């Protein structure tokens, strides 16, 4: 089984959630899906560039609000 992860976030002061915890949860819940790429971003600042290629994107949109993107749409 191949899971491709693309954690694009630099974990700076703008990160709106625990990046390592959320990454582990997403990895656990999607480990049965072969060959997907997921970008995980702590905020919306870098989304346009770093989330352009992955199949899915997960980002902190606001405090206690996260967004899931499929392709280029949310």
PDB file of N, CA and C in Angstrom:
ATOM      1  N   UNK A   1       0.841  -1.177   0.000  1.00  0.00           N
ATOM      2  CA  UNK A   1       0.000   0.000   0.000  1.00  0.00           C
ATOM      3  C   UNK A   1       0.887   1.241   0.000  1.00  0.00           C
ATOM      4  N   UNK A   2       0.581   2.195  -0.838  1.00  0.00           N
ATOM      5  CA  UNK A   2       1.394   3.407  -0.939  1.00  0.00           C
ATOM      6  C   UNK A   2       0.550   4.618  -0.589  1.00  0.00           C
ATOM      7  N   UNK A   3       0.965   5.335   0.412  1.00  0.00           N
ATOM      8  CA  UNK A   3       0.331   6.598   0.781  1.00  0.00           C
ATOM      9  C   UNK A   3       1.394   7.678   0.602  1.00  0.00           C
ATOM     10  N   UNK A   4       1.091   8.670  -0.171  1.00  0.00           N
ATOM     11  CA  UNK A   4       2.019   9.770  -0.375  1.00  0.00           C
ATOM     12  C   UNK A   4       1.541  10.947   0.454  1.00  0.00           C
ATOM     13  N   UNK A   5       2.387  11.421   1.351  1.00  0.00           N
ATOM     14  CA  UNK A   5       2.033  12.549   2.209  1.00  0.00           C
ATOM     15  C   UNK A   5       2.802  13.774   1.786  1.00  0.00           C
ATOM     16  N   UNK A   6       2.155  14.882   1.816  1.00  0.00           N
ATOM     17  CA  UNK A   6       2.779  16.140   1.469  1.00  0.00           C
ATOM     18  C   UNK A   6       2.439  17.133   2.575  1.00  0.00           C
ATOM     19  N   UNK A   7       3.206  17.092   3.642  1.00  0.00           N
ATOM     20  CA  UNK A   7       2.980  18.048   4.723  1.00  0.00           C
ATOM     21  C   UNK A   7       3.730  19.309   4.347  1.00  0.00           C
ATOM     22  N   UNK A   8       2.993  20.305   3.935  1.00  0.00           N
ATOM     23  CA  UNK A   8       3.593  21.515   3.384  1.00  0.00           C
ATOM     24  C   UNK A   8       3.815  22.610   4.409  1.00  0.00           C
ATOM     25  N   UNK A   9       3.240  22.463   5.554  1.00  0.00           N
ATOM     26  CA  UNK A   9       3.229  23.554   6.519  1.00  0.00           C
ATOM     27  C   UNK A   9       4.558  23.679   7.260  1.00  0.00           C
ATOM     28  N   UNK A  10       5.059  24.900   7.409  1.00  0.00           N
ATOM     29  CA  UNK A  10       6.293  25.101   8.159  1.00  0.00           C
ATOM     30  C   UNK A  10       6.093  25.149   9.680  1.00  0.00           C
ATOM     31  N   UNK A  11       4.859  25.019  10.137  1.00  0.00           N
ATOM     32  CA  UNK A  11       4.539  25.062  11.575  1.00  0.00           C
ATOM     33  C   UNK A  11       4.959  26.371  12.231  1.00  0.00           C
ATOM     34  N   UNK A  12       4.633  27.466  11.606  1.00  0.00           N
ATOM     35  CA  UNK A  12       4.977  28.779  12.147  1.00  0.00           C
ATOM     36  C   UNK A  12       3.911  29.226  13.156  1.00  0.00           C
ATOM     37  N   UNK A  13       3.986  30.439  13.596  1.00  0.00           N
ATOM     38  CA  UNK A  13       3.058  30.986  14.581  1.00  0.00           C
ATOM     39  C   UNK A  13       1.629  31.120  14.089  1.00  0.00           C
ATOM     40  N   UNK A  14       1.392  30.993  12.787  1.00  0.00           N
ATOM     41  CA  UNK A  14       0.027  31.097  12.259  1.00  0.00           C
ATOM     42  C   UNK A  14      -0.727  29.767  12.317  1.00  0.00           C
ATOM     43  N   UNK A  15      -0.043  28.666  12.636  1.00  0.00           N
ATOM     44  CA  UNK A  15      -0.676  27.353  12.644  1.00  0.00           C
ATOM     45  C   UNK A  15      -1.824  27.336  13.643  1.00  0.00           C
ATOM     46  N   UNK A  16      -2.999  26.864  13.199  1.00  0.00           N
ATOM     47  CA  UNK A  16      -4.218  26.935  13.999  1.00  0.00           C
ATOM     48  C   UNK A  16      -4.601  25.616  14.656  1.00  0.00           C
ATOM     49  N   UNK A  17      -3.738  24.598  14.582  1.00  0.00           N
ATOM     50  CA  UNK A  17      -3.999  23.331  15.256  1.00  0.00           C
ATOM     51  C   UNK A  17      -2.679  22.610  15.465  1.00  0.00           C
ATOM     52  N   UNK A  18      -2.716  21.524  16.248  1.00  0.00           N
ATOM     53  CA  UNK A  18      -1.528  20.719  16.497  1.00  0.00           C
ATOM     54  C   UNK A  18      -1.232  19.908  15.242  1.00  0.00           C
ATOM     55  N   UNK A  19      -0.279  20.363  14.460  1.00  0.00           N
ATOM     56  CA  UNK A  19       0.017  19.784  13.154  1.00  0.00           C
ATOM     57  C   UNK A  19       0.399  18.310  13.249  1.00  0.00           C
ATOM     58  N   UNK A  20       1.208  17.944  14.220  1.00  0.00           N
ATOM     59  CA  UNK A  20       1.627  16.544  14.352  1.00  0.00           C
ATOM     60  C   UNK A  20       0.462  15.641  14.748  1.00  0.00           C
ATOM     61  N   UNK A  21      -0.365  16.095  15.657  1.00  0.00           N
ATOM     62  CA  UNK A  21      -1.519  15.299  16.092  1.00  0.00           C
ATOM     63  C   UNK A  21      -2.500  15.090  14.944  1.00  0.00           C
ATOM     64  N   UNK A  22      -2.839  16.161  14.246  1.00  0.00           N
ATOM     65  CA  UNK A  22      -3.779  16.062  13.126  1.00  0.00           C
ATOM     66  C   UNK A  22      -3.200  15.205  12.008  1.00  0.00           C
ATOM     67  N   UNK A  23      -1.910  15.350  11.724  1.00  0.00           N
ATOM     68  CA  UNK A  23      -1.275  14.527  10.686  1.00  0.00           C
ATOM     69  C   UNK A  23      -1.382  13.046  11.028  1.00  0.00           C
ATOM     70  N   UNK A  24      -1.146  12.693  12.292  1.00  0.00           N
ATOM     71  CA  UNK A  24      -1.255  11.299  12.722  1.00  0.00           C
ATOM     72  C   UNK A  24      -2.691  10.799  12.585  1.00  0.00           C
ATOM     73  N   UNK A  25      -3.670  11.637  12.939  1.00  0.00           N
ATOM     74  CA  UNK A  25      -5.082  11.241  12.823  1.00  0.00           C
ATOM     75  C   UNK A  25      -5.473  11.030  11.366  1.00  0.00           C
ATOM     76  N   UNK A  26      -5.046  11.940  10.494  1.00  0.00           N
ATOM     77  CA  UNK A  26      -5.370  11.816   9.073  1.00  0.00           C
ATOM     78  C   UNK A  26      -4.692  10.580   8.498  1.00  0.00           C
ATOM     79  N   UNK A  27      -3.438  10.342   8.850  1.00  0.00           N
ATOM     80  CA  UNK A  27      -2.716   9.165   8.369  1.00  0.00           C
ATOM     81  C   UNK A  27      -3.437   7.882   8.798  1.00  0.00           C
ATOM     82  N   UNK A  28      -3.886   7.839  10.053  1.00  0.00           N
ATOM     83  CA  UNK A  28      -4.588   6.661  10.559  1.00  0.00           C
ATOM     84  C   UNK A  28      -5.897   6.419   9.811  1.00  0.00           C
ATOM     85  N   UNK A  29      -6.646   7.488   9.577  1.00  0.00           N
ATOM     86  CA  UNK A  29      -7.961   7.342   8.961  1.00  0.00           C
ATOM     87  C   UNK A  29      -7.913   7.134   7.448  1.00  0.00           C
ATOM     88  N   UNK A  30      -6.778   7.415   6.813  1.00  0.00           N
ATOM     89  CA  UNK A  30      -6.691   7.261   5.357  1.00  0.00           C
ATOM     90  C   UNK A  30      -5.665   6.211   4.931  1.00  0.00           C
ATOM     91  N   UNK A  31      -5.135   5.456   5.870  1.00  0.00           N
ATOM     92  CA  UNK A  31      -4.079   4.501   5.543  1.00  0.00           C
ATOM     93  C   UNK A  31      -4.535   3.394   4.592  1.00  0.00           C
ATOM     94  N   UNK A  32      -5.825   3.207   4.453  1.00  0.00           N
ATOM     95  CA  UNK A  32      -6.347   2.183   3.550  1.00  0.00           C
ATOM     96  C   UNK A  32      -6.502   2.678   2.107  1.00  0.00           C
ATOM     97  N   UNK A  33      -6.194   3.936   1.852  1.00  0.00           N
ATOM     98  CA  UNK A  33      -6.344   4.518   0.519  1.00  0.00           C
ATOM     99  C   UNK A  33      -4.980   4.563  -0.182  1.00  0.00           C
ATOM    100  N   UNK A  34      -4.787   3.755  -1.201  1.00  0.00           N
ATOM    101  CA  UNK A  34      -3.470   3.699  -1.854  1.00  0.00           C
ATOM    102  C   UNK A  34      -3.221   4.874  -2.802  1.00  0.00           C
ATOM    103  N   UNK A  35      -1.979   5.363  -2.786  1.00  0.00           N
ATOM    104  CA  UNK A  35      -1.516   6.309  -3.792  1.00  0.00           C
ATOM    105  C   UNK A  35      -2.102   7.702  -3.772  1.00  0.00           C
ATOM    106  N   UNK A  36      -2.626   8.167  -2.649  1.00  0.00           N
ATOM    107  CA  UNK A  36      -3.161   9.526  -2.606  1.00  0.00           C
ATOM    108  C   UNK A  36      -2.114  10.479  -2.039  1.00  0.00           C
ATOM    109  N   UNK A  37      -2.269  11.738  -2.359  1.00  0.00           N
ATOM    110  CA  UNK A  37      -1.411  12.755  -1.758  1.00  0.00           C
ATOM    111  C   UNK A  37      -2.291  13.731  -0.992  1.00  0.00           C
ATOM    112  N   UNK A  38      -1.829  14.092   0.190  1.00  0.00           N
ATOM    113  CA  UNK A  38      -2.584  14.979   1.069  1.00  0.00           C
ATOM    114  C   UNK A  38      -1.652  16.074   1.556  1.00  0.00           C
ATOM    115  N   UNK A  39      -2.034  17.317   1.321  1.00  0.00           N
ATOM    116  CA  UNK A  39      -1.289  18.454   1.856  1.00  0.00           C
ATOM    117  C   UNK A  39      -1.959  18.866   3.157  1.00  0.00           C
ATOM    118  N   UNK A  40      -1.158  19.052   4.183  1.00  0.00           N
ATOM    119  CA  UNK A  40      -1.690  19.451   5.488  1.00  0.00           C
ATOM    120  C   UNK A  40      -1.072  20.797   5.838  1.00  0.00           C
ATOM    121  N   UNK A  41      -1.925  21.802   5.954  1.00  0.00           N
ATOM    122  CA  UNK A  41      -1.474  23.166   6.198  1.00  0.00           C
ATOM    123  C   UNK A  41      -2.089  23.684   7.497  1.00  0.00           C
ATOM    124  N   UNK A  42      -1.292  24.386   8.277  1.00  0.00           N
ATOM    125  CA  UNK A  42      -1.774  24.920   9.541  1.00  0.00           C
ATOM    126  C   UNK A  42      -2.647  26.153   9.402  1.00  0.00           C
ATOM    127  N   UNK A  43      -2.565  26.855   8.266  1.00  0.00           N
ATOM    128  CA  UNK A  43      -3.379  28.051   8.034  1.00  0.00           C
ATOM    129  C   UNK A  43      -3.593  28.214   6.532  1.00  0.00           C
ATOM    130  N   UNK A  44      -4.269  29.266   6.144  1.00  0.00           N
ATOM    131  CA  UNK A  44      -4.609  29.468   4.729  1.00  0.00           C
ATOM    132  C   UNK A  44      -3.545  30.213   3.928  1.00  0.00           C
ATOM    133  N   UNK A  45      -2.507  30.719   4.569  1.00  0.00           N
ATOM    134  CA  UNK A  45      -1.564  31.609   3.907  1.00  0.00           C
ATOM    135  C   UNK A  45      -0.889  30.979   2.696  1.00  0.00           C
ATOM    136  N   UNK A  46      -0.388  29.751   2.825  1.00  0.00           N
ATOM    137  CA  UNK A  46       0.367  29.134   1.735  1.00  0.00           C
ATOM    138  C   UNK A  46      -0.455  28.198   0.863  1.00  0.00           C
ATOM    139  N   UNK A  47      -1.748  28.110   1.101  1.00  0.00           N
ATOM    140  CA  UNK A  47      -2.599  27.160   0.386  1.00  0.00           C
ATOM    141  C   UNK A  47      -2.501  27.239  -1.127  1.00  0.00           C
ATOM    142  N   UNK A  48      -2.561  28.384  -1.758  1.00  0.00           N
ATOM    143  CA  UNK A  48      -2.592  28.407  -3.225  1.00  0.00           C
ATOM    144  C   UNK A  48      -1.398  27.708  -3.877  1.00  0.00           C
ATOM    145  N   UNK A  49      -0.229  27.821  -3.312  1.00  0.00           N
ATOM    146  CA  UNK A  49       0.942  27.194  -3.906  1.00  0.00           C
ATOM    147  C   UNK A  49       1.140  25.756  -3.489  1.00  0.00           C
ATOM    148  N   UNK A  50       1.191  25.512  -2.193  1.00  0.00           N
ATOM    149  CA  UNK A  50       1.529  24.187  -1.705  1.00  0.00           C
ATOM    150  C   UNK A  50       0.397  23.171  -1.824  1.00  0.00           C
ATOM    151  N   UNK A  51      -0.834  23.625  -1.991  1.00  0.00           N
ATOM    152  CA  UNK A  51      -1.938  22.688  -2.123  1.00  0.00           C
ATOM    153  C   UNK A  51      -2.438  22.605  -3.557  1.00  0.00           C
ATOM    154  N   UNK A  52      -1.631  23.010  -4.507  1.00  0.00           N
ATOM    155  CA  UNK A  52      -2.055  22.989  -5.907  1.00  0.00           C
ATOM    156  C   UNK A  52      -2.026  21.592  -6.519  1.00  0.00           C
ATOM    157  N   UNK A  53      -1.106  20.740  -6.102  1.00  0.00           N
ATOM    158  CA  UNK A  53      -0.940  19.436  -6.733  1.00  0.00           C
ATOM    159  C   UNK A  53      -1.575  18.246  -6.010  1.00  0.00           C
ATOM    160  N   UNK A  54      -1.658  18.223  -4.688  1.00  0.00           N
ATOM    161  CA  UNK A  54      -2.175  17.034  -4.001  1.00  0.00           C
ATOM    162  C   UNK A  54      -3.626  16.731  -4.327  1.00  0.00           C
ATOM    163  N   UNK A  55      -4.013  15.483  -4.072  1.00  0.00           N
ATOM    164  CA  UNK A  55      -5.401  15.063  -4.276  1.00  0.00           C
ATOM    165  C   UNK A  55      -6.340  15.705  -3.262  1.00  0.00           C
ATOM    166  N   UNK A  56      -5.840  15.885  -2.044  1.00  0.00           N
ATOM    167  CA  UNK A  56      -6.633  16.463  -0.965  1.00  0.00           C
ATOM    168  C   UNK A  56      -5.792  17.479  -0.203  1.00  0.00           C
ATOM    169  N   UNK A  57      -6.451  18.461   0.360  1.00  0.00           N
ATOM    170  CA  UNK A  57      -5.781  19.433   1.202  1.00  0.00           C
ATOM    171  C   UNK A  57      -6.575  19.638   2.472  1.00  0.00           C
ATOM    172  N   UNK A  58      -5.875  19.722   3.593  1.00  0.00           N
ATOM    173  CA  UNK A  58      -6.496  19.940   4.899  1.00  0.00           C
ATOM    174  C   UNK A  58      -5.807  21.146   5.506  1.00  0.00           C
ATOM    175  N   UNK A  59      -6.576  22.142   5.895  1.00  0.00           N
ATOM    176  CA  UNK A  59      -5.953  23.352   6.420  1.00  0.00           C
ATOM    177  C   UNK A  59      -6.745  23.930   7.573  1.00  0.00           C
ATOM    178  N   UNK A  60      -6.043  24.670   8.413  1.00  0.00           N
ATOM    179  CA  UNK A  60      -6.685  25.415   9.476  1.00  0.00           C
ATOM    180  C   UNK A  60      -7.222  26.711   8.886  1.00  0.00           C
ATOM    181  N   UNK A  61      -8.529  26.806   8.753  1.00  0.00           N
ATOM    182  CA  UNK A  61      -9.132  27.988   8.156  1.00  0.00           C
ATOM    183  C   UNK A  61      -9.342  29.116   9.152  1.00  0.00           C
ATOM    184  N   UNK A  62      -9.629  28.754  10.377  1.00  0.00           N
ATOM    185  CA  UNK A  62      -9.876  29.703  11.468  1.00  0.00           C
ATOM    186  C   UNK A  62      -9.775  28.904  12.763  1.00  0.00           C
ATOM    187  N   UNK A  63      -9.676  29.564  13.906  1.00  0.00           N
ATOM    188  CA  UNK A  63      -9.637  28.805  15.156  1.00  0.00           C
ATOM    189  C   UNK A  63     -10.833  27.844  15.266  1.00  0.00           C
ATOM    190  N   UNK A  64     -10.550  26.566  15.531  1.00  0.00           N
ATOM    191  CA  UNK A  64     -11.555  25.507  15.656  1.00  0.00           C
ATOM    192  C   UNK A  64     -12.347  25.279  14.368  1.00  0.00           C
ATOM    193  N   UNK A  65     -11.812  25.692  13.229  1.00  0.00           N
ATOM    194  CA  UNK A  65     -12.471  25.459  11.940  1.00  0.00           C
ATOM    195  C   UNK A  65     -11.413  25.041  10.933  1.00  0.00           C
ATOM    196  N   UNK A  66     -11.526  23.818  10.428  1.00  0.00           N
ATOM    197  CA  UNK A  66     -10.582  23.321   9.438  1.00  0.00           C
ATOM    198  C   UNK A  66     -11.321  23.068   8.135  1.00  0.00           C
ATOM    199  N   UNK A  67     -10.624  23.240   7.037  1.00  0.00           N
ATOM    200  CA  UNK A  67     -11.216  23.050   5.719  1.00  0.00           C
ATOM    201  C   UNK A  67     -10.574  21.863   5.026  1.00  0.00           C
ATOM    202  N   UNK A  68     -11.388  21.108   4.284  1.00  0.00           N
ATOM    203  CA  UNK A  68     -10.903  19.995   3.486  1.00  0.00           C
ATOM    204  C   UNK A  68     -11.122  20.356   2.028  1.00  0.00           C
ATOM    205  N   UNK A  69     -10.083  20.236   1.229  1.00  0.00           N
ATOM    206  CA  UNK A  69     -10.164  20.528  -0.186  1.00  0.00           C
ATOM    207  C   UNK A  69      -9.969  19.246  -0.974  1.00  0.00           C
ATOM    208  N   UNK A  70     -10.757  19.087  -2.028  1.00  0.00           N
ATOM    209  CA  UNK A  70     -10.611  17.966  -2.946  1.00  0.00           C
ATOM    210  C   UNK A  70     -10.172  18.577  -4.262  1.00  0.00           C
ATOM    211  N   UNK A  71      -8.983  18.225  -4.702  1.00  0.00           N
ATOM    212  CA  UNK A  71      -8.444  18.868  -5.893  1.00  0.00           C
ATOM    213  C   UNK A  71      -8.224  20.341  -5.612  1.00  0.00           C
ATOM    214  N   UNK A  72      -8.818  21.199  -6.399  1.00  0.00           N
ATOM    215  CA  UNK A  72      -8.624  22.626  -6.219  1.00  0.00           C
ATOM    216  C   UNK A  72      -9.827  23.323  -5.595  1.00  0.00           C
ATOM    217  N   UNK A  73     -10.805  22.526  -5.115  1.00  0.00           N
ATOM    218  CA  UNK A  73     -11.995  23.139  -4.537  1.00  0.00           C
ATOM    219  C   UNK A  73     -12.180  22.713  -3.092  1.00  0.00           C
ATOM    220  N   UNK A  74     -12.844  23.547  -2.314  1.00  0.00           N
ATOM    221  CA  UNK A  74     -13.064  23.259  -0.907  1.00  0.00           C
ATOM    222  C   UNK A  74     -14.450  22.799  -0.629  1.00  0.00           C
TER     223      UNK A  74
END
